């Protein structure tokens, strides 16, 4: 049986790269990455699939543009005093991305920040780290470790592992694990994130 949307007449609309990326983000957030395709994107835009290729090369470029659009949502507040406080502010903004865009965030989690926007983002974090007594090598490593933590925490939030823990049937033979799982709730997520961030930042000299 044919899809009714495929049989609808295509309107002559003016596509832009911005409108394509915006629609792609909406489609991924609604249905997930696995169900995303350029054919479905064309249906959403009510255009021919080939029309999309005038603005983007392929699906990989769409993902790269989505990553850039997410990174641009993070602001560097230079009025915040101290490197640790600035990094905390960035970390909380990063976390909000995983909460607001759980399906889209999974693209950010695995995509390299190799665009000009992505590299500029990392450059600004290194500038913050320069305010500390970390050596150039330590600052470089700290940037990577911070990335590991925020990616891992973000995926955990995006995939809702805290919800899954609550649905997992208790193991009557493991009382220690059962007691620990009682604290893996949505209400505990703020404290867990804060604890991990504090432990990570404690490595940084004051």
N, C-alpha and C. Protein backbone atom coordinates (compact mmCIF):
# COMPACT_ATOMS: atom_id res chain seq x y z
N UNK A 1 0.85 -1.20 0.00
CA UNK A 1 0.00 0.00 0.00
C UNK A 1 0.89 1.24 0.00
N UNK A 2 0.56 2.20 -0.84
CA UNK A 2 1.38 3.40 -0.94
C UNK A 2 1.10 4.34 0.22
N UNK A 3 2.08 5.14 0.52
CA UNK A 3 1.94 6.14 1.58
C UNK A 3 1.16 7.33 1.03
N UNK A 4 0.06 7.73 1.67
CA UNK A 4 -0.73 8.86 1.15
C UNK A 4 0.09 10.13 1.01
N UNK A 5 1.09 10.33 1.92
CA UNK A 5 1.90 11.53 1.83
C UNK A 5 2.73 11.57 0.56
N UNK A 6 3.09 10.36 0.05
CA UNK A 6 3.90 10.32 -1.16
C UNK A 6 3.09 10.69 -2.39
N UNK A 7 1.77 10.55 -2.30
CA UNK A 7 0.92 10.84 -3.45
C UNK A 7 0.40 12.27 -3.47
N UNK A 8 0.69 13.01 -2.40
CA UNK A 8 0.22 14.40 -2.37
C UNK A 8 1.01 15.23 -3.37
N UNK A 9 0.37 16.19 -4.04
CA UNK A 9 1.12 17.06 -4.94
C UNK A 9 2.13 17.87 -4.15
N UNK A 10 3.33 18.02 -4.71
CA UNK A 10 4.39 18.75 -4.04
C UNK A 10 4.24 20.25 -4.32
N UNK A 11 4.22 21.01 -3.25
CA UNK A 11 4.14 22.46 -3.41
C UNK A 11 5.48 23.00 -3.85
N UNK A 12 5.46 24.03 -4.62
CA UNK A 12 6.67 24.72 -5.02
C UNK A 12 7.07 25.67 -3.89
N UNK A 13 7.84 25.16 -2.94
CA UNK A 13 8.23 25.98 -1.81
C UNK A 13 9.70 26.31 -1.91
N UNK A 14 10.07 27.40 -1.26
CA UNK A 14 11.47 27.83 -1.29
C UNK A 14 12.19 27.18 -0.12
N UNK A 15 13.04 26.21 -0.43
CA UNK A 15 13.81 25.56 0.61
C UNK A 15 15.06 26.36 0.92
N UNK A 16 15.47 26.29 2.17
CA UNK A 16 16.75 26.85 2.59
C UNK A 16 17.45 25.80 3.45
N UNK A 17 18.74 25.94 3.60
CA UNK A 17 19.45 25.00 4.45
C UNK A 17 18.93 25.07 5.87
N UNK A 18 18.59 26.28 6.31
CA UNK A 18 18.08 26.46 7.67
C UNK A 18 16.75 25.72 7.88
N UNK A 19 15.85 25.83 6.91
CA UNK A 19 14.55 25.17 7.04
C UNK A 19 14.69 23.65 6.99
N UNK A 20 15.65 23.18 6.21
CA UNK A 20 15.90 21.73 6.12
C UNK A 20 16.42 21.21 7.45
N UNK A 21 17.39 21.92 8.05
CA UNK A 21 17.97 21.49 9.32
C UNK A 21 16.92 21.55 10.43
N UNK A 22 16.13 22.59 10.44
CA UNK A 22 15.08 22.73 11.45
C UNK A 22 14.07 21.59 11.36
N UNK A 23 13.67 21.26 10.13
CA UNK A 23 12.71 20.16 9.94
C UNK A 23 13.33 18.81 10.29
N UNK A 24 14.61 18.65 9.96
CA UNK A 24 15.30 17.41 10.29
C UNK A 24 15.37 17.22 11.80
N UNK A 25 15.66 18.27 12.53
CA UNK A 25 15.72 18.19 13.99
C UNK A 25 14.35 17.81 14.56
N UNK A 26 13.31 18.42 14.03
CA UNK A 26 11.96 18.11 14.52
C UNK A 26 11.60 16.66 14.23
N UNK A 27 12.00 16.18 13.06
CA UNK A 27 11.69 14.80 12.67
C UNK A 27 12.44 13.80 13.54
N UNK A 28 13.72 14.06 13.78
CA UNK A 28 14.53 13.16 14.61
C UNK A 28 14.02 13.16 16.04
N UNK A 29 13.68 14.33 16.55
CA UNK A 29 13.21 14.40 17.94
C UNK A 29 11.89 13.68 18.11
N UNK A 30 11.08 13.69 17.06
CA UNK A 30 9.76 13.04 17.14
C UNK A 30 9.85 11.54 16.97
N UNK A 31 10.71 11.08 16.06
CA UNK A 31 10.70 9.65 15.70
C UNK A 31 12.01 8.92 16.02
N UNK A 32 13.08 9.65 16.32
CA UNK A 32 14.35 9.02 16.61
C UNK A 32 15.27 8.97 15.40
N UNK A 33 16.56 8.74 15.68
CA UNK A 33 17.56 8.73 14.61
C UNK A 33 17.35 7.56 13.66
N UNK A 34 17.04 6.40 14.21
CA UNK A 34 16.94 5.19 13.39
C UNK A 34 15.85 5.28 12.33
N UNK A 35 14.83 6.07 12.58
CA UNK A 35 13.71 6.17 11.64
C UNK A 35 13.83 7.40 10.74
N UNK A 36 14.97 8.09 10.85
CA UNK A 36 15.17 9.29 10.03
C UNK A 36 15.75 8.91 8.67
N UNK A 37 15.22 9.53 7.63
CA UNK A 37 15.76 9.36 6.28
C UNK A 37 15.46 10.62 5.48
N UNK A 38 16.20 10.82 4.40
CA UNK A 38 15.95 11.98 3.55
C UNK A 38 14.60 11.88 2.86
N UNK A 39 14.15 10.67 2.61
CA UNK A 39 12.82 10.50 2.01
C UNK A 39 11.74 11.01 2.96
N UNK A 40 11.85 10.64 4.24
CA UNK A 40 10.88 11.10 5.22
C UNK A 40 11.00 12.60 5.45
N UNK A 41 12.22 13.11 5.37
CA UNK A 41 12.41 14.55 5.51
C UNK A 41 11.75 15.29 4.36
N UNK A 42 11.86 14.75 3.15
CA UNK A 42 11.22 15.37 1.99
C UNK A 42 9.70 15.36 2.14
N UNK A 43 9.16 14.28 2.70
CA UNK A 43 7.72 14.23 2.95
C UNK A 43 7.30 15.31 3.93
N UNK A 44 8.10 15.49 4.96
CA UNK A 44 7.77 16.51 5.96
C UNK A 44 7.82 17.91 5.36
N UNK A 45 8.79 18.12 4.47
CA UNK A 45 8.94 19.42 3.82
C UNK A 45 8.00 19.58 2.63
N UNK A 46 7.33 18.47 2.27
CA UNK A 46 6.43 18.45 1.11
C UNK A 46 7.15 18.88 -0.16
N UNK A 47 8.29 18.23 -0.38
CA UNK A 47 9.08 18.53 -1.57
C UNK A 47 9.65 17.23 -2.13
N UNK A 48 10.27 17.31 -3.27
CA UNK A 48 10.95 16.15 -3.82
C UNK A 48 12.26 15.93 -3.07
N UNK A 49 12.62 14.67 -2.89
CA UNK A 49 13.84 14.37 -2.16
C UNK A 49 15.07 14.99 -2.82
N UNK A 50 15.09 15.03 -4.13
CA UNK A 50 16.25 15.58 -4.83
C UNK A 50 16.43 17.07 -4.55
N UNK A 51 15.34 17.76 -4.20
CA UNK A 51 15.44 19.19 -3.92
C UNK A 51 16.33 19.47 -2.70
N UNK A 52 16.35 18.51 -1.79
CA UNK A 52 17.16 18.69 -0.57
C UNK A 52 18.64 18.73 -0.91
N UNK A 53 19.03 17.99 -1.95
CA UNK A 53 20.45 17.89 -2.30
C UNK A 53 21.01 19.18 -2.88
N UNK A 54 20.17 20.13 -3.23
CA UNK A 54 20.66 21.43 -3.66
C UNK A 54 21.24 22.21 -2.50
N UNK A 55 20.89 21.82 -1.28
CA UNK A 55 21.29 22.58 -0.09
C UNK A 55 22.22 21.81 0.83
N UNK A 56 22.09 20.49 0.87
CA UNK A 56 22.98 19.65 1.68
C UNK A 56 23.42 18.46 0.85
N UNK A 57 24.65 17.98 1.11
CA UNK A 57 25.19 16.90 0.29
C UNK A 57 24.54 15.55 0.62
N UNK A 58 24.35 15.31 1.90
CA UNK A 58 23.87 14.00 2.33
C UNK A 58 23.39 14.08 3.78
N UNK A 59 23.01 12.92 4.31
CA UNK A 59 22.52 12.86 5.69
C UNK A 59 23.63 13.24 6.67
N UNK A 60 24.87 12.88 6.36
CA UNK A 60 25.98 13.19 7.26
C UNK A 60 26.15 14.70 7.42
N UNK A 61 25.96 15.45 6.34
CA UNK A 61 26.06 16.90 6.46
C UNK A 61 24.92 17.45 7.32
N UNK A 62 23.74 16.87 7.19
CA UNK A 62 22.62 17.29 8.04
C UNK A 62 22.97 17.09 9.50
N UNK A 63 23.54 15.93 9.83
CA UNK A 63 23.94 15.68 11.21
C UNK A 63 24.99 16.68 11.68
N UNK A 64 25.95 16.98 10.81
CA UNK A 64 27.00 17.95 11.17
C UNK A 64 26.40 19.33 11.42
N UNK A 65 25.43 19.71 10.61
CA UNK A 65 24.78 21.01 10.80
C UNK A 65 23.96 21.02 12.09
N UNK A 66 23.35 19.89 12.42
CA UNK A 66 22.59 19.79 13.67
C UNK A 66 23.52 19.95 14.86
N UNK A 67 24.67 19.31 14.82
CA UNK A 67 25.66 19.44 15.90
C UNK A 67 26.06 20.89 16.07
N UNK A 68 26.34 21.57 14.96
CA UNK A 68 26.71 22.99 15.04
C UNK A 68 25.60 23.82 15.66
N UNK A 69 24.37 23.54 15.28
CA UNK A 69 23.24 24.32 15.81
C UNK A 69 23.09 24.10 17.31
N UNK A 70 23.37 22.89 17.80
CA UNK A 70 23.30 22.63 19.23
C UNK A 70 24.42 23.34 19.97
N UNK A 71 25.63 23.26 19.42
CA UNK A 71 26.78 23.90 20.06
C UNK A 71 26.57 25.40 20.18
N UNK A 72 25.95 25.99 19.17
CA UNK A 72 25.73 27.44 19.18
C UNK A 72 24.73 27.87 20.25
N UNK A 73 23.99 26.92 20.81
CA UNK A 73 23.05 27.25 21.88
C UNK A 73 23.77 27.45 23.21
N UNK A 74 25.02 27.01 23.30
CA UNK A 74 25.79 27.15 24.54
C UNK A 74 26.49 28.50 24.54
N UNK A 75 26.27 29.26 25.58
CA UNK A 75 26.84 30.60 25.69
C UNK A 75 27.98 30.61 26.71
N UNK A 76 29.01 31.38 26.41
CA UNK A 76 30.12 31.57 27.33
C UNK A 76 29.90 32.89 28.07
N UNK A 77 29.62 32.78 29.35
CA UNK A 77 29.32 33.95 30.17
C UNK A 77 30.60 34.41 30.87
N UNK A 78 31.26 35.40 30.30
CA UNK A 78 32.52 35.86 30.84
C UNK A 78 32.36 36.67 32.13
N UNK A 79 31.12 37.01 32.46
CA UNK A 79 30.90 37.76 33.69
C UNK A 79 30.94 36.84 34.93
N UNK A 80 30.91 35.52 34.70
CA UNK A 80 31.01 34.57 35.81
C UNK A 80 32.44 34.54 36.30
N UNK A 81 32.64 34.66 37.59
CA UNK A 81 33.97 34.75 38.17
C UNK A 81 34.53 33.36 38.45
N UNK A 82 35.69 33.08 37.91
CA UNK A 82 36.37 31.82 38.20
C UNK A 82 36.16 30.76 37.13
N UNK A 83 37.25 30.00 36.86
CA UNK A 83 37.20 28.98 35.82
C UNK A 83 36.23 27.86 36.16
N UNK A 84 36.23 27.42 37.42
CA UNK A 84 35.34 26.33 37.81
C UNK A 84 33.88 26.71 37.64
N UNK A 85 33.55 27.93 38.05
CA UNK A 85 32.17 28.38 37.93
C UNK A 85 31.76 28.50 36.47
N UNK A 86 32.67 28.95 35.61
CA UNK A 86 32.37 29.06 34.18
C UNK A 86 32.16 27.68 33.57
N UNK A 87 33.00 26.73 33.95
CA UNK A 87 32.86 25.38 33.41
C UNK A 87 31.57 24.73 33.90
N UNK A 88 31.19 25.01 35.15
CA UNK A 88 29.93 24.49 35.66
C UNK A 88 28.76 25.04 34.85
N UNK A 89 28.81 26.30 34.53
CA UNK A 89 27.73 26.92 33.75
C UNK A 89 27.63 26.25 32.37
N UNK A 90 28.75 25.99 31.74
CA UNK A 90 28.76 25.31 30.44
C UNK A 90 28.22 23.90 30.57
N UNK A 91 28.63 23.21 31.66
CA UNK A 91 28.17 21.84 31.88
C UNK A 91 26.66 21.77 32.04
N UNK A 92 26.09 22.73 32.77
CA UNK A 92 24.64 22.75 32.96
C UNK A 92 23.92 23.05 31.65
N UNK A 93 24.49 23.90 30.82
CA UNK A 93 23.88 24.17 29.52
C UNK A 93 23.93 22.93 28.64
N UNK A 94 25.05 22.22 28.69
CA UNK A 94 25.20 20.97 27.93
C UNK A 94 24.16 19.95 28.38
N UNK A 95 23.99 19.86 29.70
CA UNK A 95 23.02 18.91 30.24
C UNK A 95 21.60 19.26 29.78
N UNK A 96 21.28 20.54 29.73
CA UNK A 96 19.94 20.94 29.29
C UNK A 96 19.68 20.51 27.85
N UNK A 97 20.73 20.49 27.02
CA UNK A 97 20.56 20.02 25.64
C UNK A 97 20.10 18.57 25.63
N UNK A 98 20.67 17.75 26.50
CA UNK A 98 20.27 16.34 26.53
C UNK A 98 18.85 16.17 27.04
N UNK A 99 18.42 17.10 27.88
CA UNK A 99 17.06 17.02 28.42
C UNK A 99 16.03 17.56 27.43
N UNK A 100 16.40 18.61 26.71
CA UNK A 100 15.47 19.23 25.76
C UNK A 100 15.42 18.47 24.43
N UNK A 101 16.54 17.86 24.03
CA UNK A 101 16.62 17.17 22.73
C UNK A 101 17.18 15.76 22.93
N UNK A 102 16.48 14.89 23.63
CA UNK A 102 17.05 13.58 23.95
C UNK A 102 17.42 12.74 22.73
N UNK A 103 16.62 12.77 21.67
CA UNK A 103 16.97 12.00 20.48
C UNK A 103 18.07 12.67 19.68
N UNK A 104 18.00 13.98 19.54
CA UNK A 104 19.01 14.71 18.79
C UNK A 104 20.35 14.67 19.51
N UNK A 105 20.33 14.67 20.83
CA UNK A 105 21.57 14.69 21.60
C UNK A 105 22.45 13.48 21.27
N UNK A 106 21.84 12.37 20.91
CA UNK A 106 22.62 11.17 20.59
C UNK A 106 23.50 11.39 19.37
N UNK A 107 23.11 12.31 18.49
CA UNK A 107 23.97 12.68 17.36
C UNK A 107 25.18 13.44 17.87
N UNK A 108 24.94 14.40 18.75
CA UNK A 108 26.02 15.18 19.33
C UNK A 108 27.00 14.29 20.09
N UNK A 109 26.49 13.25 20.72
CA UNK A 109 27.33 12.38 21.54
C UNK A 109 28.38 11.62 20.73
N UNK A 110 28.08 11.33 19.47
CA UNK A 110 29.00 10.50 18.68
C UNK A 110 29.66 11.26 17.53
N UNK A 111 29.26 12.51 17.32
CA UNK A 111 29.79 13.27 16.19
C UNK A 111 31.00 14.08 16.61
N UNK A 112 32.10 14.02 15.86
CA UNK A 112 33.28 14.81 16.22
C UNK A 112 33.01 16.31 16.05
N UNK A 113 33.58 17.10 16.94
CA UNK A 113 33.44 18.56 16.84
C UNK A 113 34.54 19.08 15.93
N UNK A 114 34.47 18.70 14.66
CA UNK A 114 35.55 19.03 13.73
C UNK A 114 35.22 20.19 12.80
N UNK A 115 34.07 20.81 13.00
CA UNK A 115 33.73 21.98 12.19
C UNK A 115 34.36 23.23 12.82
N UNK A 116 34.28 24.34 12.13
CA UNK A 116 34.81 25.59 12.68
C UNK A 116 34.09 25.96 13.97
N UNK A 117 32.77 25.72 14.01
CA UNK A 117 31.99 26.02 15.22
C UNK A 117 32.41 25.11 16.36
N UNK A 118 32.57 23.82 16.08
CA UNK A 118 32.98 22.87 17.11
C UNK A 118 34.37 23.16 17.64
N UNK A 119 35.30 23.48 16.75
CA UNK A 119 36.66 23.78 17.19
C UNK A 119 36.71 25.09 17.96
N UNK A 120 35.90 26.05 17.57
CA UNK A 120 35.84 27.31 18.31
C UNK A 120 35.30 27.09 19.72
N UNK A 121 34.35 26.17 19.84
CA UNK A 121 33.79 25.82 21.15
C UNK A 121 34.89 25.26 22.06
N UNK A 122 35.66 24.31 21.54
CA UNK A 122 36.74 23.73 22.34
C UNK A 122 37.81 24.77 22.65
N UNK A 123 38.07 25.67 21.70
CA UNK A 123 39.05 26.74 21.92
C UNK A 123 38.66 27.60 23.11
N UNK A 124 37.37 27.94 23.21
CA UNK A 124 36.90 28.79 24.30
C UNK A 124 37.01 28.07 25.65
N UNK A 125 36.78 26.75 25.66
CA UNK A 125 36.95 26.02 26.91
C UNK A 125 38.43 26.01 27.32
N UNK A 126 39.32 25.84 26.35
CA UNK A 126 40.74 25.89 26.66
C UNK A 126 41.15 27.26 27.18
N UNK A 127 40.53 28.31 26.69
CA UNK A 127 40.81 29.65 27.21
C UNK A 127 40.42 29.75 28.68
N UNK A 128 39.31 29.11 29.04
CA UNK A 128 38.89 29.09 30.45
C UNK A 128 39.92 28.33 31.27
N UNK A 129 40.38 27.20 30.75
CA UNK A 129 41.35 26.38 31.47
C UNK A 129 42.69 27.09 31.62
N UNK A 130 42.98 28.02 30.73
CA UNK A 130 44.22 28.79 30.84
C UNK A 130 44.23 29.68 32.09
N UNK A 131 43.05 29.95 32.64
CA UNK A 131 42.97 30.78 33.83
C UNK A 131 43.49 30.04 35.07
N UNK A 132 43.64 28.74 34.98
CA UNK A 132 44.06 27.91 36.12
C UNK A 132 45.56 27.67 36.06
N UNK A 133 46.05 26.90 37.03
CA UNK A 133 47.46 26.55 37.07
C UNK A 133 47.76 25.23 36.37
N UNK A 134 46.82 24.76 35.58
CA UNK A 134 47.06 23.54 34.82
C UNK A 134 48.11 23.80 33.74
N UNK A 135 48.95 22.81 33.50
CA UNK A 135 49.88 22.91 32.38
C UNK A 135 49.10 22.74 31.07
N UNK A 136 49.75 23.02 29.95
CA UNK A 136 49.09 22.87 28.65
C UNK A 136 48.63 21.43 28.44
N UNK A 137 49.46 20.48 28.86
CA UNK A 137 49.10 19.07 28.71
C UNK A 137 47.93 18.71 29.62
N UNK A 138 47.97 19.18 30.88
CA UNK A 138 46.89 18.90 31.81
C UNK A 138 45.58 19.51 31.32
N UNK A 139 45.63 20.72 30.81
CA UNK A 139 44.43 21.39 30.31
C UNK A 139 43.85 20.62 29.12
N UNK A 140 44.74 20.13 28.25
CA UNK A 140 44.31 19.34 27.10
C UNK A 140 43.61 18.07 27.54
N UNK A 141 44.21 17.40 28.52
CA UNK A 141 43.61 16.16 29.03
C UNK A 141 42.30 16.45 29.76
N UNK A 142 42.27 17.55 30.50
CA UNK A 142 41.07 17.89 31.25
C UNK A 142 39.91 18.16 30.30
N UNK A 143 40.18 18.79 29.18
CA UNK A 143 39.14 19.03 28.18
C UNK A 143 38.54 17.72 27.71
N UNK A 144 39.39 16.72 27.47
CA UNK A 144 38.91 15.42 27.00
C UNK A 144 38.10 14.72 28.09
N UNK A 145 38.59 14.78 29.34
CA UNK A 145 37.88 14.13 30.44
C UNK A 145 36.53 14.79 30.68
N UNK A 146 36.50 16.12 30.60
CA UNK A 146 35.23 16.83 30.74
C UNK A 146 34.26 16.40 29.65
N UNK A 147 34.77 16.22 28.44
CA UNK A 147 33.94 15.76 27.33
C UNK A 147 33.39 14.36 27.62
N UNK A 148 34.25 13.47 28.15
CA UNK A 148 33.79 12.12 28.48
C UNK A 148 32.63 12.17 29.48
N UNK A 149 32.80 12.99 30.51
CA UNK A 149 31.78 13.05 31.55
C UNK A 149 30.46 13.60 31.02
N UNK A 150 30.53 14.70 30.27
CA UNK A 150 29.31 15.34 29.80
C UNK A 150 28.60 14.50 28.75
N UNK A 151 29.37 13.81 27.91
CA UNK A 151 28.75 12.91 26.93
C UNK A 151 28.06 11.76 27.65
N UNK A 152 28.76 11.14 28.60
CA UNK A 152 28.18 10.02 29.32
C UNK A 152 26.95 10.41 30.11
N UNK A 153 27.06 11.53 30.83
CA UNK A 153 25.91 12.00 31.62
C UNK A 153 24.75 12.38 30.70
N UNK A 154 25.08 13.00 29.57
CA UNK A 154 24.04 13.41 28.63
C UNK A 154 23.31 12.24 28.02
N UNK A 155 24.04 11.19 27.64
CA UNK A 155 23.41 10.00 27.08
C UNK A 155 22.53 9.33 28.14
N UNK A 156 23.02 9.30 29.37
CA UNK A 156 22.24 8.72 30.46
C UNK A 156 20.91 9.46 30.61
N UNK A 157 20.97 10.79 30.56
CA UNK A 157 19.74 11.60 30.67
C UNK A 157 18.85 11.38 29.45
N UNK A 158 19.47 11.39 28.26
CA UNK A 158 18.70 11.29 27.03
C UNK A 158 17.99 9.95 26.89
N UNK A 159 18.68 8.88 27.29
CA UNK A 159 18.10 7.55 27.16
C UNK A 159 17.21 7.18 28.34
N UNK A 160 17.25 8.00 29.39
CA UNK A 160 16.37 7.76 30.52
C UNK A 160 16.71 6.51 31.31
N UNK A 161 18.00 6.28 31.54
CA UNK A 161 18.40 5.09 32.27
C UNK A 161 17.88 5.09 33.71
N UNK A 162 17.66 6.30 34.25
CA UNK A 162 17.11 6.37 35.61
C UNK A 162 15.68 5.83 35.64
N UNK A 163 14.95 6.01 34.52
CA UNK A 163 13.61 5.43 34.42
C UNK A 163 13.70 3.91 34.32
N UNK A 164 14.67 3.45 33.52
CA UNK A 164 14.82 2.00 33.33
C UNK A 164 15.17 1.31 34.64
N UNK A 165 15.97 2.00 35.47
CA UNK A 165 16.36 1.40 36.75
C UNK A 165 15.14 1.18 37.63
N UNK A 166 14.18 2.09 37.54
CA UNK A 166 12.98 1.95 38.37
C UNK A 166 12.08 0.82 37.88
N UNK A 167 12.17 0.50 36.59
CA UNK A 167 11.33 -0.56 36.03
C UNK A 167 11.97 -1.94 36.20
N UNK A 168 13.27 -1.94 36.47
CA UNK A 168 13.97 -3.20 36.60
C UNK A 168 13.48 -3.95 37.83
N UNK A 169 13.08 -5.21 37.68
CA UNK A 169 12.58 -5.97 38.84
C UNK A 169 13.68 -6.15 39.87
N UNK A 170 13.37 -5.97 41.13
CA UNK A 170 14.39 -6.13 42.18
C UNK A 170 14.90 -7.55 42.26
N UNK A 171 16.17 -7.66 42.58
CA UNK A 171 16.78 -8.97 42.77
C UNK A 171 16.83 -9.24 44.27
N UNK A 172 16.00 -10.15 44.71
CA UNK A 172 15.88 -10.39 46.14
C UNK A 172 17.18 -10.93 46.75
N UNK A 173 18.07 -11.44 45.90
CA UNK A 173 19.33 -11.99 46.40
C UNK A 173 20.40 -10.92 46.57
N UNK A 174 20.16 -9.72 46.08
CA UNK A 174 21.18 -8.66 46.15
C UNK A 174 20.58 -7.44 46.84
N UNK A 175 20.58 -7.47 48.14
CA UNK A 175 19.99 -6.38 48.92
C UNK A 175 20.77 -5.08 48.76
N UNK A 176 22.08 -5.19 48.58
CA UNK A 176 22.90 -3.99 48.43
C UNK A 176 22.54 -3.25 47.15
N UNK A 177 22.42 -3.99 46.04
CA UNK A 177 22.05 -3.37 44.78
C UNK A 177 20.65 -2.80 44.84
N UNK A 178 19.73 -3.52 45.43
CA UNK A 178 18.35 -3.04 45.55
C UNK A 178 18.28 -1.73 46.33
N UNK A 179 19.07 -1.63 47.40
CA UNK A 179 19.06 -0.40 48.19
C UNK A 179 19.67 0.75 47.42
N UNK A 180 20.68 0.45 46.58
CA UNK A 180 21.30 1.51 45.77
C UNK A 180 20.34 2.01 44.70
N UNK A 181 19.61 1.09 44.06
CA UNK A 181 18.70 1.46 42.99
C UNK A 181 17.56 2.36 43.47
N UNK A 182 17.29 2.31 44.76
CA UNK A 182 16.23 3.17 45.31
C UNK A 182 16.57 4.65 45.16
N UNK A 183 17.85 4.95 44.95
CA UNK A 183 18.29 6.34 44.82
C UNK A 183 18.59 6.72 43.38
N UNK A 184 18.22 5.87 42.43
CA UNK A 184 18.42 6.17 41.01
C UNK A 184 17.12 6.66 40.41
N UNK A 185 16.58 7.71 40.95
CA UNK A 185 15.30 8.24 40.50
C UNK A 185 15.51 9.56 39.78
N UNK A 186 14.46 10.04 39.14
CA UNK A 186 14.52 11.34 38.48
C UNK A 186 14.87 12.42 39.48
N UNK A 187 14.33 12.31 40.68
CA UNK A 187 14.58 13.31 41.71
C UNK A 187 16.04 13.33 42.13
N UNK A 188 16.74 12.20 41.96
CA UNK A 188 18.15 12.11 42.36
C UNK A 188 19.11 12.60 41.27
N UNK A 189 18.61 12.78 40.05
CA UNK A 189 19.50 13.07 38.93
C UNK A 189 20.30 14.36 39.12
N UNK A 190 19.68 15.39 39.67
CA UNK A 190 20.40 16.65 39.88
C UNK A 190 21.58 16.44 40.82
N UNK A 191 21.36 15.72 41.92
CA UNK A 191 22.42 15.47 42.88
C UNK A 191 23.54 14.61 42.28
N UNK A 192 23.14 13.63 41.48
CA UNK A 192 24.14 12.75 40.86
C UNK A 192 25.01 13.54 39.90
N UNK A 193 24.39 14.37 39.07
CA UNK A 193 25.15 15.18 38.12
C UNK A 193 26.07 16.14 38.85
N UNK A 194 25.55 16.79 39.88
CA UNK A 194 26.34 17.75 40.65
C UNK A 194 27.53 17.05 41.32
N UNK A 195 27.31 15.86 41.87
CA UNK A 195 28.38 15.12 42.52
C UNK A 195 29.50 14.78 41.54
N UNK A 196 29.12 14.27 40.38
CA UNK A 196 30.12 13.93 39.38
C UNK A 196 30.90 15.14 38.92
N UNK A 197 30.22 16.24 38.73
CA UNK A 197 30.87 17.47 38.28
C UNK A 197 31.82 17.99 39.34
N UNK A 198 31.40 17.95 40.61
CA UNK A 198 32.26 18.41 41.70
C UNK A 198 33.51 17.55 41.83
N UNK A 199 33.35 16.24 41.68
CA UNK A 199 34.51 15.34 41.74
C UNK A 199 35.47 15.66 40.61
N UNK A 200 34.93 15.88 39.43
CA UNK A 200 35.77 16.19 38.27
C UNK A 200 36.51 17.51 38.45
N UNK A 201 35.80 18.53 38.89
CA UNK A 201 36.39 19.87 39.04
C UNK A 201 37.33 19.95 40.23
N UNK A 202 37.21 19.02 41.17
CA UNK A 202 38.11 19.04 42.33
C UNK A 202 39.55 18.79 41.91
N UNK A 203 39.75 18.19 40.75
CA UNK A 203 41.10 17.96 40.23
C UNK A 203 41.76 19.27 39.83
N UNK A 204 40.94 20.25 39.47
CA UNK A 204 41.47 21.52 38.97
C UNK A 204 41.96 22.38 40.15
N UNK A 205 43.16 22.91 40.06
CA UNK A 205 43.67 23.76 41.14
C UNK A 205 42.86 25.06 41.24
N UNK A 206 42.71 25.56 42.45
CA UNK A 206 41.98 26.81 42.67
C UNK A 206 42.82 28.01 42.23
